[in-house]
Amino acid sequence: MKKKNSDNSELAQITREIRKLQFYFNMLSGLSASCGVMIPLDSVYTAIRELSDQEAILRQKAKDHSDYLGEKGLN
């Protein structure tokens, strides 16, 4: 049970980080467009993609675990 709570906590943290990065990405993108200058956003985009990949893996693990417990009648 402790592992599941740890995974949920990690998933929540990753989700918060993705939202923060998306906010900054959108803000910098808008600033770039309104000022007519190029702001390099590749590193922010890459970080969002990497965190999204981690999030997808954790969500799949949680789903697999839930499916396993459902099959065993424990859920």
N, C-alpha and C. Protein backbone atom coordinates (compact mmCIF):
# COMPACT_ATOMS: atom_id res chain seq x y z
N MET A 1 0.83 -1.20 0.00
CA MET A 1 0.00 0.00 0.00
C MET A 1 0.87 1.25 0.00
N LYS A 2 2.00 1.19 0.70
CA LYS A 2 2.88 2.35 0.78
C LYS A 2 3.41 2.72 -0.60
N LYS A 3 3.73 1.72 -1.41
CA LYS A 3 4.24 1.96 -2.76
C LYS A 3 3.19 2.68 -3.61
N LYS A 4 1.92 2.29 -3.46
CA LYS A 4 0.85 2.91 -4.24
C LYS A 4 0.72 4.39 -3.86
N ASN A 5 0.79 4.70 -2.57
CA ASN A 5 0.72 6.10 -2.14
C ASN A 5 1.90 6.89 -2.65
N SER A 6 3.07 6.26 -2.68
CA SER A 6 4.26 6.91 -3.19
C SER A 6 4.11 7.23 -4.67
N ASP A 7 3.57 6.26 -5.42
CA ASP A 7 3.33 6.47 -6.85
C ASP A 7 2.31 7.58 -7.09
N ASN A 8 1.24 7.59 -6.28
CA ASN A 8 0.22 8.64 -6.42
C ASN A 8 0.81 10.01 -6.11
N SER A 9 1.65 10.08 -5.09
CA SER A 9 2.28 11.34 -4.72
C SER A 9 3.23 11.80 -5.84
N GLU A 10 3.98 10.86 -6.39
CA GLU A 10 4.90 11.20 -7.48
C GLU A 10 4.11 11.64 -8.72
N LEU A 11 3.02 10.98 -9.00
CA LEU A 11 2.18 11.34 -10.14
C LEU A 11 1.61 12.75 -9.96
N ALA A 12 1.16 13.06 -8.76
CA ALA A 12 0.61 14.39 -8.48
C ALA A 12 1.68 15.45 -8.65
N GLN A 13 2.90 15.16 -8.17
CA GLN A 13 4.01 16.11 -8.30
C GLN A 13 4.36 16.34 -9.77
N ILE A 14 4.43 15.28 -10.54
CA ILE A 14 4.74 15.40 -11.97
C ILE A 14 3.66 16.21 -12.68
N THR A 15 2.40 15.96 -12.35
CA THR A 15 1.29 16.70 -12.96
C THR A 15 1.40 18.19 -12.65
N ARG A 16 1.73 18.52 -11.39
CA ARG A 16 1.90 19.94 -11.02
C ARG A 16 3.05 20.58 -11.80
N GLU A 17 4.15 19.86 -11.94
CA GLU A 17 5.30 20.39 -12.66
C GLU A 17 4.97 20.61 -14.14
N ILE A 18 4.24 19.68 -14.73
CA ILE A 18 3.84 19.84 -16.14
C ILE A 18 2.98 21.08 -16.30
N ARG A 19 2.03 21.27 -15.41
CA ARG A 19 1.16 22.45 -15.50
C ARG A 19 1.95 23.74 -15.36
N LYS A 20 2.91 23.77 -14.44
CA LYS A 20 3.74 24.96 -14.28
C LYS A 20 4.54 25.23 -15.54
N LEU A 21 5.16 24.19 -16.08
CA LEU A 21 5.96 24.37 -17.30
C LEU A 21 5.10 24.79 -18.48
N GLN A 22 3.90 24.24 -18.59
CA GLN A 22 3.00 24.64 -19.67
C GLN A 22 2.61 26.11 -19.53
N PHE A 23 2.39 26.55 -18.30
CA PHE A 23 2.08 27.96 -18.06
C PHE A 23 3.23 28.84 -18.53
N TYR A 24 4.45 28.51 -18.10
CA TYR A 24 5.61 29.31 -18.49
C TYR A 24 5.86 29.26 -20.00
N PHE A 25 5.66 28.07 -20.58
CA PHE A 25 5.83 27.94 -22.03
C PHE A 25 4.86 28.86 -22.76
N ASN A 26 3.59 28.83 -22.36
CA ASN A 26 2.57 29.68 -23.01
C ASN A 26 2.85 31.15 -22.78
N MET A 27 3.29 31.50 -21.57
CA MET A 27 3.59 32.89 -21.26
C MET A 27 4.77 33.38 -22.11
N LEU A 28 5.83 32.60 -22.18
CA LEU A 28 6.99 33.00 -22.97
C LEU A 28 6.68 33.01 -24.46
N SER A 29 5.87 32.08 -24.89
CA SER A 29 5.48 32.04 -26.30
C SER A 29 4.68 33.29 -26.67
N GLY A 30 3.75 33.68 -25.81
CA GLY A 30 2.96 34.89 -26.04
C GLY A 30 3.82 36.14 -26.00
N LEU A 31 4.76 36.17 -25.05
CA LEU A 31 5.67 37.31 -24.95
C LEU A 31 6.53 37.42 -26.20
N SER A 32 6.99 36.28 -26.66
CA SER A 32 7.80 36.25 -27.87
C SER A 32 7.02 36.80 -29.06
N ALA A 33 5.78 36.37 -29.20
CA ALA A 33 4.95 36.82 -30.33
C ALA A 33 4.62 38.30 -30.22
N SER A 34 4.31 38.77 -29.02
CA SER A 34 3.91 40.17 -28.88
C SER A 34 5.09 41.13 -29.02
N CYS A 35 6.28 40.67 -28.65
CA CYS A 35 7.46 41.53 -28.76
C CYS A 35 8.18 41.37 -30.09
N GLY A 36 7.82 40.34 -30.82
CA GLY A 36 8.45 40.11 -32.11
C GLY A 36 9.89 39.63 -32.00
N VAL A 37 10.20 38.92 -30.94
CA VAL A 37 11.56 38.38 -30.77
C VAL A 37 11.48 36.87 -30.61
N MET A 38 12.59 36.24 -30.87
CA MET A 38 12.65 34.78 -30.72
C MET A 38 13.14 34.45 -29.31
N ILE A 39 12.35 33.70 -28.58
CA ILE A 39 12.75 33.20 -27.28
C ILE A 39 12.89 31.69 -27.44
N PRO A 40 14.09 31.15 -27.19
CA PRO A 40 14.26 29.70 -27.35
C PRO A 40 13.45 28.93 -26.30
N LEU A 41 12.52 28.13 -26.77
CA LEU A 41 11.63 27.38 -25.89
C LEU A 41 11.85 25.88 -25.97
N ASP A 42 12.88 25.47 -26.70
CA ASP A 42 13.13 24.04 -26.88
C ASP A 42 13.33 23.31 -25.56
N SER A 43 14.08 23.91 -24.64
CA SER A 43 14.37 23.22 -23.38
C SER A 43 13.09 23.07 -22.54
N VAL A 44 12.22 24.05 -22.56
CA VAL A 44 10.97 23.96 -21.82
C VAL A 44 10.09 22.88 -22.45
N TYR A 45 10.01 22.87 -23.76
CA TYR A 45 9.20 21.88 -24.47
C TYR A 45 9.73 20.47 -24.20
N THR A 46 11.05 20.31 -24.22
CA THR A 46 11.66 19.01 -23.95
C THR A 46 11.34 18.54 -22.54
N ALA A 47 11.41 19.43 -21.57
CA ALA A 47 11.10 19.09 -20.18
C ALA A 47 9.64 18.65 -20.05
N ILE A 48 8.74 19.35 -20.73
CA ILE A 48 7.32 18.99 -20.70
C ILE A 48 7.13 17.59 -21.29
N ARG A 49 7.79 17.32 -22.40
CA ARG A 49 7.66 15.99 -23.03
C ARG A 49 8.19 14.89 -22.12
N GLU A 50 9.35 15.12 -21.49
CA GLU A 50 9.93 14.10 -20.62
C GLU A 50 9.03 13.83 -19.41
N LEU A 51 8.51 14.89 -18.82
CA LEU A 51 7.61 14.71 -17.68
C LEU A 51 6.31 14.03 -18.10
N SER A 52 5.82 14.36 -19.28
CA SER A 52 4.61 13.72 -19.79
C SER A 52 4.83 12.23 -20.00
N ASP A 53 6.01 11.86 -20.47
CA ASP A 53 6.35 10.44 -20.63
C ASP A 53 6.35 9.74 -19.28
N GLN A 54 6.96 10.37 -18.27
CA GLN A 54 6.98 9.79 -16.93
C GLN A 54 5.56 9.66 -16.37
N GLU A 55 4.75 10.68 -16.61
CA GLU A 55 3.37 10.66 -16.15
C GLU A 55 2.60 9.50 -16.79
N ALA A 56 2.80 9.30 -18.08
CA ALA A 56 2.11 8.22 -18.79
C ALA A 56 2.52 6.86 -18.23
N ILE A 57 3.80 6.70 -17.93
CA ILE A 57 4.29 5.43 -17.37
C ILE A 57 3.65 5.17 -16.01
N LEU A 58 3.62 6.19 -15.15
CA LEU A 58 3.01 6.02 -13.83
C LEU A 58 1.52 5.74 -13.92
N ARG A 59 0.83 6.42 -14.84
CA ARG A 59 -0.60 6.17 -15.01
C ARG A 59 -0.84 4.74 -15.50
N GLN A 60 0.00 4.25 -16.39
CA GLN A 60 -0.14 2.88 -16.89
C GLN A 60 0.11 1.88 -15.77
N LYS A 61 1.14 2.14 -14.95
CA LYS A 61 1.42 1.26 -13.82
C LYS A 61 0.23 1.22 -12.86
N ALA A 62 -0.37 2.38 -12.59
CA ALA A 62 -1.52 2.44 -11.69
C ALA A 62 -2.70 1.68 -12.29
N LYS A 63 -2.91 1.83 -13.60
CA LYS A 63 -4.01 1.13 -14.27
C LYS A 63 -3.78 -0.38 -14.23
N ASP A 64 -2.55 -0.80 -14.52
CA ASP A 64 -2.23 -2.23 -14.49
C ASP A 64 -2.44 -2.80 -13.09
N HIS A 65 -2.02 -2.04 -12.08
CA HIS A 65 -2.18 -2.48 -10.70
C HIS A 65 -3.67 -2.59 -10.34
N SER A 66 -4.44 -1.61 -10.76
CA SER A 66 -5.88 -1.61 -10.50
C SER A 66 -6.55 -2.78 -11.22
N ASP A 67 -6.14 -3.02 -12.46
CA ASP A 67 -6.70 -4.15 -13.22
C ASP A 67 -6.36 -5.47 -12.54
N TYR A 68 -5.13 -5.58 -12.05
CA TYR A 68 -4.69 -6.80 -11.37
C TYR A 68 -5.53 -7.04 -10.11
N LEU A 69 -5.73 -5.98 -9.33
CA LEU A 69 -6.53 -6.11 -8.11
C LEU A 69 -7.98 -6.43 -8.45
N GLY A 70 -8.49 -5.86 -9.54
CA GLY A 70 -9.86 -6.14 -9.97
C GLY A 70 -10.03 -7.60 -10.36
N GLU A 71 -9.01 -8.17 -11.02
CA GLU A 71 -9.07 -9.57 -11.41
C GLU A 71 -9.06 -10.49 -10.19
N LYS A 72 -8.34 -10.07 -9.17
CA LYS A 72 -8.22 -10.87 -7.96
C LYS A 72 -9.38 -10.64 -7.00
N GLY A 73 -10.26 -9.69 -7.33
CA GLY A 73 -11.40 -9.41 -6.47
C GLY A 73 -11.01 -8.62 -5.23
N LEU A 74 -9.88 -7.93 -5.29
CA LEU A 74 -9.39 -7.18 -4.13
C LEU A 74 -9.71 -5.71 -4.21
N ASN A 75 -10.20 -5.25 -5.32
CA ASN A 75 -10.43 -3.83 -5.52
C ASN A 75 -11.83 -3.44 -5.17
